[in-house]
C-alpha atoms as a PDB file:
ATOM      1  CA  MET A   1     -18.654 -33.745 -26.205  1.00  0.00           C
ATOM      2  CA  LYS A   2     -17.224 -30.654 -24.531  1.00  0.00           C
ATOM      3  CA  GLU A   3     -19.043 -28.408 -27.011  1.00  0.00           C
ATOM      4  CA  ALA A   4     -22.330 -30.126 -26.184  1.00  0.00           C
ATOM      5  CA  ILE A   5     -21.745 -29.650 -22.452  1.00  0.00           C
ATOM      6  CA  ASN A   6     -20.871 -25.979 -22.970  1.00  0.00           C
ATOM      7  CA  THR A   7     -24.003 -25.475 -25.081  1.00  0.00           C
ATOM      8  CA  GLN A   8     -26.166 -27.084 -22.392  1.00  0.00           C
ATOM      9  CA  SER A   9     -24.624 -24.930 -19.649  1.00  0.00           C
ATOM     10  CA  ILE A  10     -25.174 -21.769 -21.699  1.00  0.00           C
ATOM     11  CA  GLY A  11     -28.764 -22.797 -22.329  1.00  0.00           C
ATOM     12  CA  LYS A  12     -29.363 -23.358 -18.626  1.00  0.00           C
ATOM     13  CA  LYS A  13     -27.923 -19.914 -17.834  1.00  0.00           C
ATOM     14  CA  LEU A  14     -30.169 -18.267 -20.421  1.00  0.00           C
ATOM     15  CA  MET A  15     -33.218 -20.047 -18.995  1.00  0.00           C
ATOM     16  CA  SER A  16     -32.283 -18.907 -15.478  1.00  0.00           C
ATOM     17  CA  TYR A  17     -31.927 -15.318 -16.705  1.00  0.00           C
ATOM     18  CA  LYS A  18     -35.399 -15.520 -18.312  1.00  0.00           C
ATOM     19  CA  LYS A  19     -36.876 -16.713 -15.032  1.00  0.00           C
ATOM     20  CA  HIS A  20     -35.026 -14.031 -13.070  1.00  0.00           C
ATOM     21  CA  PRO A  21     -34.584 -10.878 -15.212  1.00  0.00           C
ATOM     22  CA  GLY A  22     -33.065  -9.068 -12.241  1.00  0.00           C
ATOM     23  CA  SER A  23     -30.083 -11.431 -12.295  1.00  0.00           C
ATOM     24  CA  PHE A  24     -29.401 -10.557 -15.925  1.00  0.00           C
ATOM     25  CA  LEU A  25     -29.636  -6.851 -15.089  1.00  0.00           C
ATOM     26  CA  LEU A  26     -27.175  -7.285 -12.220  1.00  0.00           C
ATOM     27  CA  LEU A  27     -24.847  -9.198 -14.547  1.00  0.00           C
ATOM     28  CA  LEU A  28     -24.904  -6.301 -17.014  1.00  0.00           C
ATOM     29  CA  LEU A  29     -24.228  -3.798 -14.227  1.00  0.00           C
ATOM     30  CA  VAL A  30     -21.291  -5.839 -12.939  1.00  0.00           C
ATOM     31  CA  LEU A  31     -19.812  -6.169 -16.433  1.00  0.00           C
ATOM     32  CA  ALA A  32     -20.289  -2.447 -17.072  1.00  0.00           C
ATOM     33  CA  SER A  33     -18.584  -1.604 -13.765  1.00  0.00           C
ATOM     34  CA  ALA A  34     -15.653  -3.874 -14.601  1.00  0.00           C
ATOM     35  CA  VAL A  35     -15.264  -2.434 -18.099  1.00  0.00           C
ATOM     36  CA  LEU A  36     -15.509   1.129 -16.775  1.00  0.00           C
ATOM     37  CA  THR A  37     -12.934   0.515 -14.049  1.00  0.00           C
ATOM     38  CA  VAL A  38     -10.444  -1.125 -16.399  1.00  0.00           C
ATOM     39  CA  GLY A  39     -11.054   1.566 -19.011  1.00  0.00           C
ATOM     40  CA  VAL A  40     -10.360   4.416 -16.569  1.00  0.00           C
ATOM     41  CA  LEU A  41      -7.221   2.660 -15.324  1.00  0.00           C
ATOM     42  CA  LEU A  42      -5.895   2.103 -18.845  1.00  0.00           C
ATOM     43  CA  TYR A  43      -6.713   5.710 -19.775  1.00  0.00           C
ATOM     44  CA  LEU A  44      -4.782   7.074 -16.791  1.00  0.00           C
ATOM     45  CA  ILE A  45      -1.778   4.865 -17.499  1.00  0.00           C
ATOM     46  CA  ALA A  46      -1.787   5.766 -21.190  1.00  0.00           C
ATOM     47  CA  TYR A  47      -2.153   9.476 -20.402  1.00  0.00           C
ATOM     48  CA  ILE A  48       0.819   9.417 -18.033  1.00  0.00           C
ATOM     49  CA  LEU A  49       2.987   7.422 -20.437  1.00  0.00           C
ATOM     50  CA  ILE A  50       2.161   9.593 -23.455  1.00  0.00           C
ATOM     51  CA  HIS A  51       2.931  12.826 -21.618  1.00  0.00           C
ATOM     52  CA  GLY A  52       5.877  11.548 -19.602  1.00  0.00           C
ATOM     53  CA  VAL A  53       7.940   9.072 -21.630  1.00  0.00           C
ATOM     54  CA  PRO A  54       9.173  11.660 -24.214  1.00  0.00           C
ATOM     55  CA  TYR A  55      10.706  13.706 -21.371  1.00  0.00           C
ATOM     56  CA  LEU A  56      12.674  10.897 -19.727  1.00  0.00           C
ATOM     57  CA  THR A  57      15.961  12.567 -20.651  1.00  0.00           C
ATOM     58  CA  PRO A  58      19.410  11.952 -19.140  1.00  0.00           C
ATOM     59  CA  ASP A  59      19.232  15.331 -17.386  1.00  0.00           C
ATOM     60  CA  LEU A  60      16.326  14.044 -15.354  1.00  0.00           C
ATOM     61  CA  PHE A  61      18.610  11.356 -13.896  1.00  0.00           C
ATOM     62  CA  ALA A  62      21.551  13.619 -13.069  1.00  0.00           C
ATOM     63  CA  PRO A  63      23.170  13.007  -9.673  1.00  0.00           C
ATOM     64  CA  GLU A  64      22.248  16.440  -8.311  1.00  0.00           C
ATOM     65  CA  TYR A  65      19.213  18.675  -8.549  1.00  0.00           C
ATOM     66  CA  ASN A  66      19.522  22.207  -9.912  1.00  0.00           C
ATOM     67  CA  SER A  67      17.415  24.730 -11.788  1.00  0.00           C
ATOM     68  CA  ASP A  68      18.521  23.367 -15.173  1.00  0.00           C
ATOM     69  CA  ASN A  69      17.962  19.598 -14.898  1.00  0.00           C
ATOM     70  CA  VAL A  70      15.440  19.253 -11.998  1.00  0.00           C
ATOM     71  CA  SER A  71      16.849  15.766 -11.395  1.00  0.00           C
ATOM     72  CA  LEU A  72      14.621  13.202  -9.704  1.00  0.00           C
ATOM     73  CA  VAL A  73      17.509  11.089  -8.384  1.00  0.00           C
ATOM     74  CA  PRO A  74      17.660  12.798  -4.944  1.00  0.00           C
ATOM     75  CA  ALA A  75      13.886  12.386  -4.602  1.00  0.00           C
ATOM     76  CA  LEU A  76      14.178   8.733  -5.647  1.00  0.00           C
ATOM     77  CA  VAL A  77      16.802   8.038  -2.986  1.00  0.00           C
ATOM     78  CA  ASN A  78      14.743   9.858  -0.362  1.00  0.00           C
ATOM     79  CA  THR A  79      11.675   7.845  -1.388  1.00  0.00           C
ATOM     80  CA  ILE A  80      13.526   4.576  -0.819  1.00  0.00           C
ATOM     81  CA  PHE A  81      14.786   5.720   2.589  1.00  0.00           C
ATOM     82  CA  MET A  82      11.357   7.016   3.590  1.00  0.00           C
ATOM     83  CA  THR A  83       9.567   3.831   2.521  1.00  0.00           C
ATOM     84  CA  VAL A  84      11.993   1.495   4.283  1.00  0.00           C
ATOM     85  CA  LEU A  85      12.006   3.536   7.482  1.00  0.00           C
ATOM     86  CA  ALA A  86       8.213   3.877   7.628  1.00  0.00           C
ATOM     87  CA  LEU A  87       7.732   0.148   7.012  1.00  0.00           C
ATOM     88  CA  LEU A  88      10.320  -0.728   9.677  1.00  0.00           C
ATOM     89  CA  ILE A  89       8.199   1.199  12.165  1.00  0.00           C
ATOM     90  CA  ALA A  90       4.705   0.245  11.001  1.00  0.00           C
ATOM     91  CA  VAL A  91       5.017  -3.417  10.001  1.00  0.00           C
ATOM     92  CA  PRO A  92       6.312  -4.865  13.310  1.00  0.00           C
ATOM     93  CA  LEU A  93       3.805  -2.817  15.325  1.00  0.00           C
ATOM     94  CA  GLY A  94       0.924  -3.680  12.996  1.00  0.00           C
ATOM     95  CA  ILE A  95       1.719  -7.394  12.896  1.00  0.00           C
ATOM     96  CA  GLY A  96       2.224  -7.515  16.659  1.00  0.00           C
ATOM     97  CA  ALA A  97      -1.098  -5.792  17.317  1.00  0.00           C
ATOM     98  CA  ALA A  98      -2.854  -8.099  14.849  1.00  0.00           C
ATOM     99  CA  ILE A  99      -1.383 -11.191  16.524  1.00  0.00           C
ATOM    100  CA  TYR A 100      -2.704 -10.034  19.873  1.00  0.00           C
ATOM    101  CA  LEU A 101      -6.177  -9.267  18.509  1.00  0.00           C
ATOM    102  CA  ALA A 102      -6.477 -12.509  16.522  1.00  0.00           C
ATOM    103  CA  GLU A 103      -4.651 -15.016  18.707  1.00  0.00           C
ATOM    104  CA  TYR A 104      -4.474 -13.824  22.299  1.00  0.00           C
ATOM    105  CA  ALA A 105      -7.448 -11.527  22.893  1.00  0.00           C
ATOM    106  CA  LYS A 106     -10.730 -13.169  23.785  1.00  0.00           C
ATOM    107  CA  ARG A 107     -12.942 -13.363  20.711  1.00  0.00           C
ATOM    108  CA  GLY A 108     -15.996 -11.149  20.949  1.00  0.00           C
ATOM    109  CA  ASN A 109     -14.277  -8.867  23.465  1.00  0.00           C
ATOM    110  CA  ARG A 110     -15.661  -5.312  23.476  1.00  0.00           C
ATOM    111  CA  LEU A 111     -12.171  -3.861  23.586  1.00  0.00           C
ATOM    112  CA  VAL A 112     -11.235  -5.795  20.463  1.00  0.00           C
ATOM    113  CA  ARG A 113     -14.326  -4.529  18.654  1.00  0.00           C
ATOM    114  CA  LEU A 114     -13.500  -0.982  19.730  1.00  0.00           C
ATOM    115  CA  ILE A 115      -9.916  -1.286  18.473  1.00  0.00           C
ATOM    116  CA  ARG A 116     -11.128  -2.604  15.126  1.00  0.00           C
ATOM    117  CA  LEU A 117     -13.617   0.238  14.828  1.00  0.00           C
ATOM    118  CA  MET A 118     -10.978   2.831  15.617  1.00  0.00           C
ATOM    119  CA  ALA A 119      -8.526   1.268  13.153  1.00  0.00           C
ATOM    120  CA  GLU A 120     -11.104   1.314  10.372  1.00  0.00           C
ATOM    121  CA  THR A 121     -11.944   4.925  11.247  1.00  0.00           C
ATOM    122  CA  LEU A 122      -8.289   5.946  11.108  1.00  0.00           C
ATOM    123  CA  GLN A 123      -8.001   4.465   7.620  1.00  0.00           C
ATOM    124  CA  GLY A 124     -10.521   7.001   6.345  1.00  0.00           C
ATOM    125  CA  ILE A 125      -8.909  10.126   7.838  1.00  0.00           C
ATOM    126  CA  PRO A 126      -7.435  12.451   5.155  1.00  0.00           C
ATOM    127  CA  SER A 127      -3.667  12.384   4.957  1.00  0.00           C
ATOM    128  CA  ILE A 128      -3.395  16.121   5.529  1.00  0.00           C
ATOM    129  CA  ILE A 129      -4.741  15.582   9.057  1.00  0.00           C
ATOM    130  CA  TYR A 130      -1.868  13.170   9.693  1.00  0.00           C
ATOM    131  CA  GLY A 131       0.469  15.789   8.262  1.00  0.00           C
ATOM    132  CA  LEU A 132      -0.798  18.468  10.639  1.00  0.00           C
ATOM    133  CA  PHE A 133      -0.497  16.052  13.560  1.00  0.00           C
ATOM    134  CA  GLY A 134       3.051  15.126  12.541  1.00  0.00           C
ATOM    135  CA  MET A 135       4.010  18.783  12.231  1.00  0.00           C
ATOM    136  CA  LEU A 136       2.583  19.661  15.659  1.00  0.00           C
ATOM    137  CA  PHE A 137       3.928  16.576  17.444  1.00  0.00           C
ATOM    138  CA  PHE A 138       7.138  15.424  15.756  1.00  0.00           C
ATOM    139  CA  VAL A 139       8.347  18.666  14.158  1.00  0.00           C
ATOM    140  CA  THR A 140       7.286  21.165  16.843  1.00  0.00           C
ATOM    141  CA  ALA A 141       6.716  19.378  20.156  1.00  0.00           C
ATOM    142  CA  LEU A 142       9.589  16.876  19.880  1.00  0.00           C
ATOM    143  CA  LYS A 143      11.699  19.457  17.998  1.00  0.00           C
ATOM    144  CA  ILE A 144      12.809  16.961  15.357  1.00  0.00           C
ATOM    145  CA  GLY A 145      12.281  19.544  12.628  1.00  0.00           C
ATOM    146  CA  TYR A 146      11.475  18.906   8.992  1.00  0.00           C
ATOM    147  CA  SER A 147      13.247  15.597   8.452  1.00  0.00           C
ATOM    148  CA  LEU A 148      13.009  12.086   7.101  1.00  0.00           C
ATOM    149  CA  LEU A 149      12.430  10.790  10.627  1.00  0.00           C
ATOM    150  CA  ALA A 150       9.420  13.058  11.208  1.00  0.00           C
ATOM    151  CA  GLY A 151       7.983  12.134   7.811  1.00  0.00           C
ATOM    152  CA  ALA A 152       8.557   8.393   8.289  1.00  0.00           C
ATOM    153  CA  ALA A 153       7.011   8.437  11.773  1.00  0.00           C
ATOM    154  CA  THR A 154       3.952  10.244  10.438  1.00  0.00           C
ATOM    155  CA  LEU A 155       3.594   7.811   7.539  1.00  0.00           C
ATOM    156  CA  ALA A 156       4.012   4.869   9.904  1.00  0.00           C
ATOM    157  CA  ILE A 157       1.069   6.120  11.983  1.00  0.00           C
ATOM    158  CA  MET A 158      -0.937   6.620   8.791  1.00  0.00           C
ATOM    159  CA  VAL A 159      -0.417   3.099   7.396  1.00  0.00           C
ATOM    160  CA  LEU A 160      -0.429   1.280  10.737  1.00  0.00           C
ATOM    161  CA  PRO A 161      -4.231   0.648  10.686  1.00  0.00           C
ATOM    162  CA  VAL A 162      -3.968  -0.813   7.173  1.00  0.00           C
ATOM    163  CA  VAL A 163      -1.212  -3.235   8.144  1.00  0.00           C
ATOM    164  CA  MET A 164      -2.945  -4.192  11.373  1.00  0.00           C
ATOM    165  CA  ARG A 165      -6.378  -4.873   9.864  1.00  0.00           C
ATOM    166  CA  THR A 166      -5.128  -6.797   6.836  1.00  0.00           C
ATOM    167  CA  THR A 167      -2.829  -8.883   9.007  1.00  0.00           C
ATOM    168  CA  GLU A 168      -5.630  -9.618  11.456  1.00  0.00           C
ATOM    169  CA  GLU A 169      -7.952 -10.718   8.668  1.00  0.00           C
ATOM    170  CA  ALA A 170      -5.194 -12.915   7.244  1.00  0.00           C
ATOM    171  CA  LEU A 171      -4.640 -14.556  10.640  1.00  0.00           C
ATOM    172  CA  LEU A 172      -8.372 -15.108  11.175  1.00  0.00           C
ATOM    173  CA  SER A 173      -8.618 -16.772   7.756  1.00  0.00           C
ATOM    174  CA  VAL A 174      -6.187 -19.510   8.828  1.00  0.00           C
ATOM    175  CA  PRO A 175      -8.280 -22.615   9.700  1.00  0.00           C
ATOM    176  CA  ASP A 176      -8.487 -23.496  13.392  1.00  0.00           C
ATOM    177  CA  MET A 177      -7.499 -27.073  12.554  1.00  0.00           C
ATOM    178  CA  TYR A 178      -3.940 -25.814  11.994  1.00  0.00           C
ATOM    179  CA  ARG A 179      -3.813 -24.500  15.538  1.00  0.00           C
ATOM    180  CA  GLU A 180      -5.480 -27.599  16.974  1.00  0.00           C
ATOM    181  CA  GLY A 181      -3.070 -29.889  15.134  1.00  0.00           C
ATOM    182  CA  SER A 182      -0.099 -27.920  16.451  1.00  0.00           C
ATOM    183  CA  PHE A 183      -1.444 -28.011  20.002  1.00  0.00           C
ATOM    184  CA  GLY A 184      -2.092 -31.742  19.620  1.00  0.00           C
ATOM    185  CA  LEU A 185       1.583 -32.281  18.762  1.00  0.00           C
ATOM    186  CA  GLY A 186       2.616 -30.550  21.956  1.00  0.00           C
ATOM    187  CA  ALA A 187       3.545 -27.110  20.600  1.00  0.00           C
ATOM    188  CA  GLY A 188       2.883 -24.084  22.759  1.00  0.00           C
ATOM    189  CA  LYS A 189       0.912 -20.978  21.873  1.00  0.00           C
ATOM    190  CA  LEU A 190       3.897 -18.881  20.836  1.00  0.00           C
ATOM    191  CA  ARG A 191       5.411 -21.631  18.706  1.00  0.00           C
ATOM    192  CA  THR A 192       2.061 -22.310  17.057  1.00  0.00           C
ATOM    193  CA  VAL A 193       1.610 -18.640  16.163  1.00  0.00           C
ATOM    194  CA  PHE A 194       5.086 -18.136  14.687  1.00  0.00           C
ATOM    195  CA  ARG A 195       5.660 -21.558  13.107  1.00  0.00           C
ATOM    196  CA  VAL A 196       2.164 -22.476  11.902  1.00  0.00           C
ATOM    197  CA  VAL A 197      -0.243 -19.534  11.766  1.00  0.00           C
ATOM    198  CA  LEU A 198       2.013 -16.716  10.543  1.00  0.00           C
ATOM    199  CA  PRO A 199       3.560 -18.662   7.613  1.00  0.00           C
ATOM    200  CA  SER A 200       0.065 -19.598   6.444  1.00  0.00           C
ATOM    201  CA  ALA A 201      -1.043 -15.957   6.616  1.00  0.00           C
ATOM    202  CA  ILE A 202       1.981 -14.447   4.852  1.00  0.00           C
ATOM    203  CA  PRO A 203       0.194 -13.854   1.491  1.00  0.00           C
ATOM    204  CA  GLY A 204      -2.485 -11.803   3.252  1.00  0.00           C
ATOM    205  CA  ILE A 205       0.112  -9.959   5.324  1.00  0.00           C
ATOM    206  CA  LEU A 206       2.059  -9.070   2.186  1.00  0.00           C
ATOM    207  CA  SER A 207      -1.115  -7.682   0.666  1.00  0.00           C
ATOM    208  CA  GLY A 208      -1.354  -5.239   3.548  1.00  0.00           C
ATOM    209  CA  VAL A 209       2.316  -4.339   3.205  1.00  0.00           C
ATOM    210  CA  ILE A 210       1.789  -3.702  -0.520  1.00  0.00           C
ATOM    211  CA  LEU A 211      -1.127  -1.369   0.226  1.00  0.00           C
ATOM    212  CA  ALA A 212       0.928   0.432   2.851  1.00  0.00           C
ATOM    213  CA  THR A 213       3.890   0.772   0.498  1.00  0.00           C
ATOM    214  CA  GLY A 214       1.732   2.207  -2.252  1.00  0.00           C
ATOM    215  CA  ARG A 215       0.289   4.804   0.110  1.00  0.00           C
ATOM    216  CA  ILE A 216       3.731   5.735   1.417  1.00  0.00           C
ATOM    217  CA  VAL A 217       5.244   6.139  -2.045  1.00  0.00           C
ATOM    218  CA  GLY A 218       2.334   8.226  -3.326  1.00  0.00           C
ATOM    219  CA  GLU A 219       1.899  10.459  -0.276  1.00  0.00           C
ATOM    220  CA  THR A 220       2.414  14.233  -0.564  1.00  0.00           C
ATOM    221  CA  ALA A 221       0.267  16.199   1.906  1.00  0.00           C
ATOM    222  CA  ALA A 222       1.588  14.507   5.044  1.00  0.00           C
ATOM    223  CA  LEU A 223       5.216  14.853   3.931  1.00  0.00           C
ATOM    224  CA  ILE A 224       5.052  18.520   2.974  1.00  0.00           C
ATOM    225  CA  TYR A 225       4.303  19.346   6.620  1.00  0.00           C
ATOM    226  CA  THR A 226       6.805  16.916   8.146  1.00  0.00           C
ATOM    227  CA  ALA A 227       9.666  16.009   5.788  1.00  0.00           C
ATOM    228  CA  GLY A 228       9.778  19.270   3.869  1.00  0.00           C
ATOM    229  CA  THR A 229      10.576  19.861   0.203  1.00  0.00           C
ATOM    230  CA  ALA A 230      14.370  20.136   0.134  1.00  0.00           C
ATOM    231  CA  PRO A 231      15.527  18.887  -3.312  1.00  0.00           C
ATOM    232  CA  GLN A 232      18.771  17.259  -2.175  1.00  0.00           C
ATOM    233  CA  ILE A 233      19.504  13.802  -0.769  1.00  0.00           C
ATOM    234  CA  ALA A 234      19.010  13.788   2.980  1.00  0.00           C
ATOM    235  CA  GLY A 235      22.360  13.300   4.693  1.00  0.00           C
ATOM    236  CA  SER A 236      20.813  11.836   7.839  1.00  0.00           C
ATOM    237  CA  LEU A 237      17.455  11.004   9.367  1.00  0.00           C
ATOM    238  CA  PHE A 238      17.244  14.542  10.743  1.00  0.00           C
ATOM    239  CA  ASP A 239      17.667  16.270   7.369  1.00  0.00           C
ATOM    240  CA  SER A 240      14.830  17.447   5.160  1.00  0.00           C
ATOM    241  CA  GLY A 241      14.208  15.828   1.786  1.00  0.00           C
ATOM    242  CA  ARG A 242      11.439  15.462  -0.773  1.00  0.00           C
ATOM    243  CA  THR A 243      10.114  12.171  -2.124  1.00  0.00           C
ATOM    244  CA  LEU A 244       9.126  11.478  -5.725  1.00  0.00           C
ATOM    245  CA  ALA A 245       5.483  12.374  -5.108  1.00  0.00           C
ATOM    246  CA  VAL A 246       6.431  15.666  -3.435  1.00  0.00           C
ATOM    247  CA  HIS A 247       8.973  16.313  -6.213  1.00  0.00           C
ATOM    248  CA  MET A 248       6.278  15.817  -8.834  1.00  0.00           C
ATOM    249  CA  TYR A 249       3.892  18.086  -6.923  1.00  0.00           C
ATOM    250  CA  SER A 250       6.530  20.815  -6.552  1.00  0.00           C
ATOM    251  CA  LEU A 251       7.389  20.783 -10.259  1.00  0.00           C
ATOM    252  CA  SER A 252       3.759  20.969 -11.343  1.00  0.00           C
ATOM    253  CA  ARG A 253       2.985  23.706  -8.798  1.00  0.00           C
ATOM    254  CA  GLU A 254       5.843  25.890 -10.019  1.00  0.00           C
ATOM    255  CA  GLY A 255       4.532  25.589 -13.583  1.00  0.00           C
ATOM    256  CA  LEU A 256       8.011  25.726 -15.119  1.00  0.00           C
ATOM    257  CA  HIS A 257       8.699  21.997 -15.451  1.00  0.00           C
ATOM    258  CA  VAL A 258       5.292  20.405 -15.981  1.00  0.00           C
ATOM    259  CA  ASN A 259       6.647  17.977 -18.589  1.00  0.00           C
ATOM    260  CA  GLN A 260       9.300  16.774 -16.141  1.00  0.00           C
ATOM    261  CA  SER A 261       6.582  16.195 -13.546  1.00  0.00           C
ATOM    262  CA  TYR A 262       4.869  13.815 -15.983  1.00  0.00           C
ATOM    263  CA  ALA A 263       8.198  12.036 -16.497  1.00  0.00           C
ATOM    264  CA  THR A 264       8.532  11.722 -12.712  1.00  0.00           C
ATOM    265  CA  ALA A 265       5.046  10.210 -12.633  1.00  0.00           C
ATOM    266  CA  VAL A 266       6.190   7.560 -15.136  1.00  0.00           C
ATOM    267  CA  VAL A 267       9.140   6.632 -12.921  1.00  0.00           C
ATOM    268  CA  LEU A 268       6.868   6.515  -9.869  1.00  0.00           C
ATOM    269  CA  LEU A 269       4.425   4.280 -11.746  1.00  0.00           C
ATOM    270  CA  VAL A 270       7.203   1.882 -12.748  1.00  0.00           C
ATOM    271  CA  ILE A 271       8.547   1.721  -9.184  1.00  0.00           C
ATOM    272  CA  VAL A 272       5.139   0.873  -7.734  1.00  0.00           C
ATOM    273  CA  LEU A 273       4.606  -1.761 -10.440  1.00  0.00           C
ATOM    274  CA  ILE A 274       7.973  -3.379  -9.688  1.00  0.00           C
ATOM    275  CA  MET A 275       7.329  -3.441  -5.939  1.00  0.00           C
ATOM    276  CA  ASN A 276       3.881  -4.951  -6.369  1.00  0.00           C
ATOM    277  CA  SER A 277       5.215  -7.577  -8.786  1.00  0.00           C
ATOM    278  CA  LEU A 278       8.032  -8.588  -6.437  1.00  0.00           C
ATOM    279  CA  SER A 279       5.630  -8.794  -3.494  1.00  0.00           C
ATOM    280  CA  SER A 280       3.223 -10.951  -5.504  1.00  0.00           C
ATOM    281  CA  ILE A 281       6.043 -13.299  -6.541  1.00  0.00           C
ATOM    282  CA  ILE A 282       7.188 -13.634  -2.942  1.00  0.00           C
ATOM    283  CA  ALA A 283       3.623 -14.284  -1.767  1.00  0.00           C
ATOM    284  CA  ARG A 284       3.121 -17.023  -4.371  1.00  0.00           C
ATOM    285  CA  LYS A 285       6.399 -18.708  -3.489  1.00  0.00           C
ATOM    286  CA  VAL A 286       5.613 -18.663   0.220  1.00  0.00           C
ATOM    287  CA  ALA A 287       2.092 -19.976  -0.387  1.00  0.00           C
ATOM    288  CA  SER A 288       3.352 -22.803  -2.607  1.00  0.00           C
ATOM    289  CA  LYS A 289       6.031 -23.689  -0.042  1.00  0.00           C
ATOM    290  CA  ASN A 290       3.474 -23.875   2.747  1.00  0.00           C
ATOM    291  CA  GLN A 291       1.192 -26.038   0.661  1.00  0.00           C
END
């Protein structure tokens, strides 16, 4: 019975494609685009793994960096500090701005449209422009110097539009009946936002945080001008330190440890994969709990 139904559905699709040849052409283009995208992604991953895995030696994970082992451990620690600090700055500001735009600002307001336009424009600005701004403002004007704090503040400004826009879209996707039901039960605006709307929008908010985290971890240009390239673990927020991406760039630029730069890329790839997996698991658990 199921085979007969499947055969009939396939026949109907073929008849529709005969009536509309353009639909079949679009289907082929979509399939080709999907295959090409997946193929390029798999090629890049395979290329990095083939060139990097053989050089994941114990020297690469030594506690300290020197000219013999070019350890990535200090860069790994600095990457964790930089990511956490940048997210601590960007996420509360981005979520707060999104809550105002989606819940408190009058819908259709010209100011809201202008803010959205500016946020989308800022997302397309090259990271080196943020780096130059961070160097002129945080490093020079505020006299913070090349430090984790200057780098994290610059990265927070860079990913703030991403967090804000994704959070706003997640809040707007929550059905209005949730808000109306909460108001009908006597809850106020603030309680409705934080107890009803935000929990329902957490999967979308986490998507924005994942995108921001990926951009922070993989950033180089902005950090070279703000955080510096010191190969040791930063002792405080006002000390210079390189992240994994900057470490990989420095090794490949010097030309003496290209193989180790590929190994660093493997570690960076694994870290991003782990963070994305954990965020997806958390999003699914929160969504299932809300349902």
